[in-house]
Amino acid sequence: MASTSNVQIIIALQEPDLDDDELQTQTQILLQQMLELDEVEDASLLRPAEVPAGSKSLTGLAVGWLTAQVNGKNIKSLMGFLGDRLGNKTIELEIEANGKKLKVKASSRQELETAIEAAQKFVAG
């Protein structure tokens, strides 16, 4: 049975071909799209203090990083959304559920689909 508690997901976009401004614009577009989803309880850009050391920051925000709160039963829908939008990009996901964390990295559609399956199994428990 899937968890119905909220799951914290941190998403890091990594686009070596984009400069910081372009990457941040892509991140903000993704954030706006996520906020429109019924499955997402809350989403925001991360502040530099909230991300790993060595991450870049721009105007008080961590470049390429955002976070979302989603109900555990909606994780599959959100992961499908991310797969559709980010299937050809390099991303890192950190998923926190049931007091545990899972980190996955994907740089192709196939790797992202594998990461999404792992995330769904992780949240299911």
N, C-alpha and C. Protein backbone atom coordinates (compact mmCIF):
# COMPACT_ATOMS: atom_id res chain seq x y z
N MET A 1 0.85 -1.19 0.00
CA MET A 1 0.00 0.00 0.00
C MET A 1 0.89 1.25 0.00
N ALA A 2 0.60 2.20 -0.84
CA ALA A 2 1.41 3.41 -0.96
C ALA A 2 1.20 4.30 0.26
N SER A 3 2.24 4.99 0.61
CA SER A 3 2.19 5.93 1.72
C SER A 3 1.31 7.11 1.36
N THR A 4 0.58 7.64 2.34
CA THR A 4 -0.21 8.83 2.09
C THR A 4 0.39 10.04 2.79
N SER A 5 1.57 9.87 3.39
CA SER A 5 2.24 11.02 4.00
C SER A 5 3.00 11.77 2.91
N ASN A 6 3.35 13.03 3.23
CA ASN A 6 4.04 13.83 2.25
C ASN A 6 5.47 13.37 2.04
N VAL A 7 5.91 13.48 0.81
CA VAL A 7 7.25 13.10 0.41
C VAL A 7 7.96 14.37 -0.05
N GLN A 8 9.18 14.57 0.41
CA GLN A 8 9.99 15.72 0.01
C GLN A 8 10.88 15.30 -1.15
N ILE A 9 10.85 16.05 -2.23
CA ILE A 9 11.68 15.75 -3.39
C ILE A 9 12.51 16.98 -3.71
N ILE A 10 13.81 16.79 -3.81
CA ILE A 10 14.71 17.86 -4.24
C ILE A 10 15.20 17.51 -5.63
N ILE A 11 15.09 18.46 -6.53
CA ILE A 11 15.48 18.25 -7.93
C ILE A 11 16.60 19.22 -8.26
N ALA A 12 17.67 18.68 -8.82
CA ALA A 12 18.80 19.51 -9.28
C ALA A 12 18.96 19.32 -10.78
N LEU A 13 18.74 20.38 -11.53
CA LEU A 13 18.94 20.34 -12.97
C LEU A 13 20.41 20.63 -13.27
N GLN A 14 20.97 19.89 -14.20
CA GLN A 14 22.37 20.09 -14.56
C GLN A 14 22.47 20.18 -16.08
N GLU A 15 22.69 21.37 -16.55
CA GLU A 15 22.77 21.63 -17.99
C GLU A 15 24.08 22.34 -18.30
N PRO A 16 25.15 21.60 -18.61
CA PRO A 16 26.44 22.23 -18.85
C PRO A 16 26.43 23.21 -20.02
N ASP A 17 25.49 23.06 -20.95
CA ASP A 17 25.43 23.95 -22.12
C ASP A 17 24.79 25.30 -21.80
N LEU A 18 24.17 25.42 -20.64
CA LEU A 18 23.48 26.66 -20.28
C LEU A 18 24.30 27.46 -19.29
N ASP A 19 24.23 28.80 -19.40
CA ASP A 19 24.87 29.60 -18.35
C ASP A 19 23.92 29.66 -17.15
N ASP A 20 24.38 30.25 -16.05
CA ASP A 20 23.60 30.25 -14.82
C ASP A 20 22.23 30.89 -14.99
N ASP A 21 22.17 32.00 -15.72
CA ASP A 21 20.88 32.68 -15.93
C ASP A 21 19.91 31.79 -16.70
N GLU A 22 20.39 31.14 -17.75
CA GLU A 22 19.53 30.28 -18.56
C GLU A 22 19.05 29.07 -17.75
N LEU A 23 19.96 28.50 -16.96
CA LEU A 23 19.60 27.35 -16.13
C LEU A 23 18.55 27.76 -15.10
N GLN A 24 18.74 28.92 -14.50
CA GLN A 24 17.77 29.38 -13.51
C GLN A 24 16.41 29.64 -14.16
N THR A 25 16.41 30.16 -15.37
CA THR A 25 15.15 30.38 -16.09
C THR A 25 14.45 29.05 -16.32
N GLN A 26 15.20 28.02 -16.76
CA GLN A 26 14.62 26.68 -16.96
C GLN A 26 14.06 26.13 -15.65
N THR A 27 14.78 26.36 -14.56
CA THR A 27 14.34 25.88 -13.25
C THR A 27 13.04 26.57 -12.84
N GLN A 28 12.96 27.88 -13.08
CA GLN A 28 11.75 28.62 -12.71
C GLN A 28 10.55 28.20 -13.55
N ILE A 29 10.78 27.89 -14.82
CA ILE A 29 9.69 27.39 -15.68
C ILE A 29 9.19 26.06 -15.14
N LEU A 30 10.11 25.16 -14.80
CA LEU A 30 9.73 23.86 -14.24
C LEU A 30 8.95 24.05 -12.94
N LEU A 31 9.40 24.96 -12.09
CA LEU A 31 8.71 25.24 -10.83
C LEU A 31 7.27 25.69 -11.10
N GLN A 32 7.09 26.63 -12.01
CA GLN A 32 5.74 27.11 -12.33
C GLN A 32 4.86 25.96 -12.83
N GLN A 33 5.41 25.10 -13.67
CA GLN A 33 4.64 23.95 -14.18
C GLN A 33 4.26 23.01 -13.03
N MET A 34 5.18 22.80 -12.10
CA MET A 34 4.92 21.91 -10.98
C MET A 34 3.84 22.49 -10.06
N LEU A 35 3.88 23.80 -9.84
CA LEU A 35 2.89 24.44 -8.97
C LEU A 35 1.48 24.32 -9.54
N GLU A 36 1.35 24.13 -10.84
CA GLU A 36 0.05 23.98 -11.47
C GLU A 36 -0.52 22.57 -11.34
N LEU A 37 0.33 21.62 -10.91
CA LEU A 37 -0.12 20.23 -10.77
C LEU A 37 -0.91 20.05 -9.47
N ASP A 38 -2.04 19.35 -9.57
CA ASP A 38 -2.82 19.06 -8.37
C ASP A 38 -2.05 18.16 -7.40
N GLU A 39 -1.17 17.32 -7.94
CA GLU A 39 -0.43 16.35 -7.11
C GLU A 39 0.59 17.01 -6.19
N VAL A 40 1.03 18.22 -6.54
CA VAL A 40 2.09 18.89 -5.77
C VAL A 40 1.46 19.73 -4.68
N GLU A 41 1.82 19.43 -3.42
CA GLU A 41 1.31 20.19 -2.28
C GLU A 41 1.98 21.57 -2.22
N ASP A 42 3.29 21.59 -2.47
CA ASP A 42 4.05 22.83 -2.41
C ASP A 42 5.33 22.63 -3.20
N ALA A 43 5.86 23.71 -3.76
CA ALA A 43 7.13 23.65 -4.48
C ALA A 43 7.78 25.02 -4.41
N SER A 44 9.11 25.04 -4.39
CA SER A 44 9.83 26.31 -4.32
C SER A 44 11.25 26.13 -4.81
N LEU A 45 11.88 27.25 -5.12
CA LEU A 45 13.30 27.24 -5.44
C LEU A 45 14.07 27.13 -4.13
N LEU A 46 15.23 26.53 -4.18
CA LEU A 46 16.03 26.38 -2.96
C LEU A 46 16.96 27.57 -2.77
N ARG A 47 17.20 27.91 -1.54
CA ARG A 47 18.18 28.92 -1.16
C ARG A 47 19.54 28.24 -1.06
N PRO A 48 20.62 28.98 -1.27
CA PRO A 48 21.95 28.35 -1.21
C PRO A 48 22.23 27.60 0.09
N ALA A 49 21.68 28.06 1.19
CA ALA A 49 21.92 27.38 2.48
C ALA A 49 21.29 26.00 2.52
N GLU A 50 20.38 25.71 1.59
CA GLU A 50 19.66 24.44 1.61
C GLU A 50 20.26 23.38 0.69
N VAL A 51 21.28 23.73 -0.06
CA VAL A 51 21.86 22.79 -1.03
C VAL A 51 23.28 22.43 -0.63
N PRO A 52 23.82 21.37 -1.23
CA PRO A 52 25.18 20.94 -0.89
C PRO A 52 26.22 22.02 -1.16
N ALA A 53 27.29 21.98 -0.40
CA ALA A 53 28.40 22.91 -0.59
C ALA A 53 28.93 22.80 -2.01
N GLY A 54 29.34 23.94 -2.56
CA GLY A 54 29.89 23.94 -3.90
C GLY A 54 28.88 24.25 -4.98
N SER A 55 27.59 24.32 -4.63
CA SER A 55 26.57 24.68 -5.60
C SER A 55 26.61 26.17 -5.86
N LYS A 56 26.29 26.56 -7.07
CA LYS A 56 26.30 27.98 -7.42
C LYS A 56 25.03 28.65 -6.92
N SER A 57 25.13 29.95 -6.66
CA SER A 57 23.93 30.70 -6.32
C SER A 57 23.86 31.95 -7.18
N LEU A 58 22.65 32.43 -7.37
CA LEU A 58 22.38 33.57 -8.22
C LEU A 58 21.24 34.34 -7.58
N THR A 59 21.45 35.59 -7.28
CA THR A 59 20.43 36.45 -6.67
C THR A 59 19.74 35.75 -5.49
N GLY A 60 20.52 35.13 -4.63
CA GLY A 60 19.96 34.52 -3.43
C GLY A 60 19.29 33.18 -3.62
N LEU A 61 19.38 32.63 -4.82
CA LEU A 61 18.77 31.31 -5.08
C LEU A 61 19.84 30.35 -5.56
N ALA A 62 19.68 29.09 -5.25
CA ALA A 62 20.61 28.07 -5.71
C ALA A 62 20.29 27.76 -7.17
N VAL A 63 21.26 27.87 -8.03
CA VAL A 63 21.04 27.69 -9.47
C VAL A 63 20.69 26.24 -9.79
N GLY A 64 19.54 26.05 -10.43
CA GLY A 64 19.15 24.73 -10.89
C GLY A 64 18.49 23.84 -9.86
N TRP A 65 18.22 24.34 -8.66
CA TRP A 65 17.66 23.51 -7.59
C TRP A 65 16.24 23.94 -7.24
N LEU A 66 15.37 22.96 -7.05
CA LEU A 66 14.05 23.24 -6.51
C LEU A 66 13.60 22.08 -5.67
N THR A 67 12.56 22.31 -4.90
CA THR A 67 12.04 21.28 -4.01
C THR A 67 10.53 21.22 -4.13
N ALA A 68 9.98 20.07 -3.87
CA ALA A 68 8.53 19.89 -3.92
C ALA A 68 8.09 18.97 -2.79
N GLN A 69 6.91 19.25 -2.30
CA GLN A 69 6.24 18.36 -1.35
C GLN A 69 5.09 17.71 -2.11
N VAL A 70 5.02 16.40 -2.05
CA VAL A 70 3.95 15.70 -2.76
C VAL A 70 3.43 14.58 -1.85
N ASN A 71 2.15 14.33 -1.91
CA ASN A 71 1.59 13.23 -1.16
C ASN A 71 2.13 11.93 -1.73
N GLY A 72 2.47 10.99 -0.87
CA GLY A 72 3.05 9.72 -1.31
C GLY A 72 2.24 9.00 -2.37
N LYS A 73 0.92 9.10 -2.31
CA LYS A 73 0.09 8.42 -3.30
C LYS A 73 0.17 9.08 -4.68
N ASN A 74 0.71 10.31 -4.75
CA ASN A 74 0.81 11.02 -6.02
C ASN A 74 2.23 11.00 -6.62
N ILE A 75 3.13 10.24 -6.00
CA ILE A 75 4.52 10.24 -6.46
C ILE A 75 4.63 9.76 -7.91
N LYS A 76 3.82 8.78 -8.29
CA LYS A 76 3.89 8.25 -9.65
C LYS A 76 3.53 9.33 -10.67
N SER A 77 2.50 10.10 -10.39
CA SER A 77 2.09 11.18 -11.30
C SER A 77 3.18 12.23 -11.44
N LEU A 78 3.78 12.63 -10.31
CA LEU A 78 4.83 13.64 -10.37
C LEU A 78 6.05 13.11 -11.12
N MET A 79 6.40 11.86 -10.87
CA MET A 79 7.56 11.29 -11.56
C MET A 79 7.30 11.18 -13.07
N GLY A 80 6.08 10.88 -13.45
CA GLY A 80 5.73 10.85 -14.87
C GLY A 80 5.87 12.24 -15.49
N PHE A 81 5.42 13.25 -14.77
CA PHE A 81 5.57 14.64 -15.22
C PHE A 81 7.04 14.98 -15.41
N LEU A 82 7.87 14.64 -14.42
CA LEU A 82 9.31 14.92 -14.53
C LEU A 82 9.93 14.17 -15.69
N GLY A 83 9.52 12.93 -15.89
CA GLY A 83 10.04 12.15 -17.01
C GLY A 83 9.71 12.78 -18.35
N ASP A 84 8.48 13.30 -18.46
CA ASP A 84 8.07 13.96 -19.71
C ASP A 84 8.88 15.23 -19.96
N ARG A 85 9.14 16.00 -18.91
CA ARG A 85 9.81 17.29 -19.06
C ARG A 85 11.34 17.19 -19.08
N LEU A 86 11.88 16.19 -18.38
CA LEU A 86 13.33 16.17 -18.15
C LEU A 86 14.00 14.91 -18.67
N GLY A 87 13.34 14.16 -19.53
CA GLY A 87 13.85 12.87 -19.98
C GLY A 87 15.20 12.92 -20.67
N ASN A 88 15.56 14.05 -21.26
CA ASN A 88 16.83 14.14 -21.98
C ASN A 88 17.83 15.05 -21.28
N LYS A 89 17.57 15.38 -20.03
CA LYS A 89 18.46 16.27 -19.27
C LYS A 89 19.12 15.50 -18.14
N THR A 90 20.24 15.99 -17.66
CA THR A 90 20.88 15.40 -16.50
C THR A 90 20.28 16.02 -15.25
N ILE A 91 19.75 15.18 -14.38
CA ILE A 91 19.17 15.66 -13.14
C ILE A 91 19.57 14.75 -11.99
N GLU A 92 19.49 15.31 -10.81
CA GLU A 92 19.64 14.54 -9.58
C GLU A 92 18.35 14.70 -8.80
N LEU A 93 17.88 13.61 -8.23
CA LEU A 93 16.71 13.64 -7.38
C LEU A 93 17.10 13.14 -6.00
N GLU A 94 16.61 13.82 -4.99
CA GLU A 94 16.76 13.33 -3.62
C GLU A 94 15.35 13.25 -3.06
N ILE A 95 14.97 12.06 -2.67
CA ILE A 95 13.62 11.82 -2.19
C ILE A 95 13.69 11.41 -0.73
N GLU A 96 12.89 12.11 0.09
CA GLU A 96 12.85 11.78 1.51
C GLU A 96 11.44 11.35 1.86
N ALA A 97 11.34 10.12 2.36
CA ALA A 97 10.04 9.56 2.74
C ALA A 97 10.25 8.61 3.91
N ASN A 98 9.30 8.60 4.81
CA ASN A 98 9.34 7.67 5.94
C ASN A 98 10.66 7.75 6.71
N GLY A 99 11.23 8.96 6.81
CA GLY A 99 12.46 9.16 7.56
C GLY A 99 13.72 8.66 6.86
N LYS A 100 13.62 8.26 5.59
CA LYS A 100 14.77 7.77 4.84
C LYS A 100 14.97 8.63 3.60
N LYS A 101 16.20 8.63 3.08
CA LYS A 101 16.50 9.38 1.87
C LYS A 101 17.01 8.47 0.78
N LEU A 102 16.65 8.81 -0.46
CA LEU A 102 17.13 8.11 -1.64
C LEU A 102 17.66 9.15 -2.59
N LYS A 103 18.89 8.97 -3.08
CA LYS A 103 19.46 9.88 -4.07
C LYS A 103 19.67 9.11 -5.37
N VAL A 104 19.21 9.69 -6.46
CA VAL A 104 19.41 9.08 -7.78
C VAL A 104 19.83 10.16 -8.76
N LYS A 105 20.61 9.76 -9.75
CA LYS A 105 21.06 10.67 -10.79
C LYS A 105 20.75 10.03 -12.13
N ALA A 106 20.31 10.84 -13.07
CA ALA A 106 19.97 10.33 -14.39
C ALA A 106 20.43 11.32 -15.45
N SER A 107 20.95 10.78 -16.54
CA SER A 107 21.38 11.66 -17.63
C SER A 107 20.82 11.23 -18.98
N SER A 108 19.83 10.33 -18.96
CA SER A 108 19.16 9.92 -20.19
C SER A 108 17.74 9.52 -19.83
N ARG A 109 16.91 9.39 -20.83
CA ARG A 109 15.52 8.99 -20.60
C ARG A 109 15.46 7.63 -19.90
N GLN A 110 16.29 6.69 -20.36
CA GLN A 110 16.29 5.35 -19.76
C GLN A 110 16.73 5.40 -18.30
N GLU A 111 17.79 6.15 -17.99
CA GLU A 111 18.24 6.27 -16.60
C GLU A 111 17.17 6.94 -15.74
N LEU A 112 16.50 7.95 -16.31
CA LEU A 112 15.46 8.64 -15.56
C LEU A 112 14.30 7.68 -15.26
N GLU A 113 13.91 6.87 -16.23
CA GLU A 113 12.83 5.91 -15.99
C GLU A 113 13.22 4.90 -14.91
N THR A 114 14.46 4.46 -14.92
CA THR A 114 14.94 3.56 -13.86
C THR A 114 14.92 4.26 -12.51
N ALA A 115 15.34 5.53 -12.48
CA ALA A 115 15.34 6.31 -11.24
C ALA A 115 13.91 6.51 -10.73
N ILE A 116 12.99 6.76 -11.64
CA ILE A 116 11.58 6.95 -11.27
C ILE A 116 11.01 5.68 -10.66
N GLU A 117 11.32 4.53 -11.26
CA GLU A 117 10.87 3.26 -10.69
C GLU A 117 11.43 3.06 -9.29
N ALA A 118 12.72 3.36 -9.12
CA ALA A 118 13.35 3.22 -7.80
C ALA A 118 12.68 4.14 -6.79
N ALA A 119 12.37 5.35 -7.21
CA ALA A 119 11.73 6.31 -6.31
C ALA A 119 10.35 5.83 -5.89
N GLN A 120 9.60 5.31 -6.84
CA GLN A 120 8.25 4.82 -6.51
C GLN A 120 8.31 3.65 -5.54
N LYS A 121 9.23 2.73 -5.75
CA LYS A 121 9.37 1.59 -4.84
C LYS A 121 9.83 2.07 -3.46
N PHE A 122 10.72 3.05 -3.44
CA PHE A 122 11.24 3.60 -2.19
C PHE A 122 10.09 4.21 -1.37
N VAL A 123 9.26 5.01 -2.03
CA VAL A 123 8.15 5.67 -1.33
C VAL A 123 7.11 4.65 -0.88
N ALA A 124 6.88 3.63 -1.69
CA ALA A 124 5.90 2.61 -1.34
C ALA A 124 6.33 1.83 -0.10
N GLY A 125 7.64 1.84 0.16
CA GLY A 125 8.06 1.33 1.40
C GLY A 125 8.80 0.09 1.54
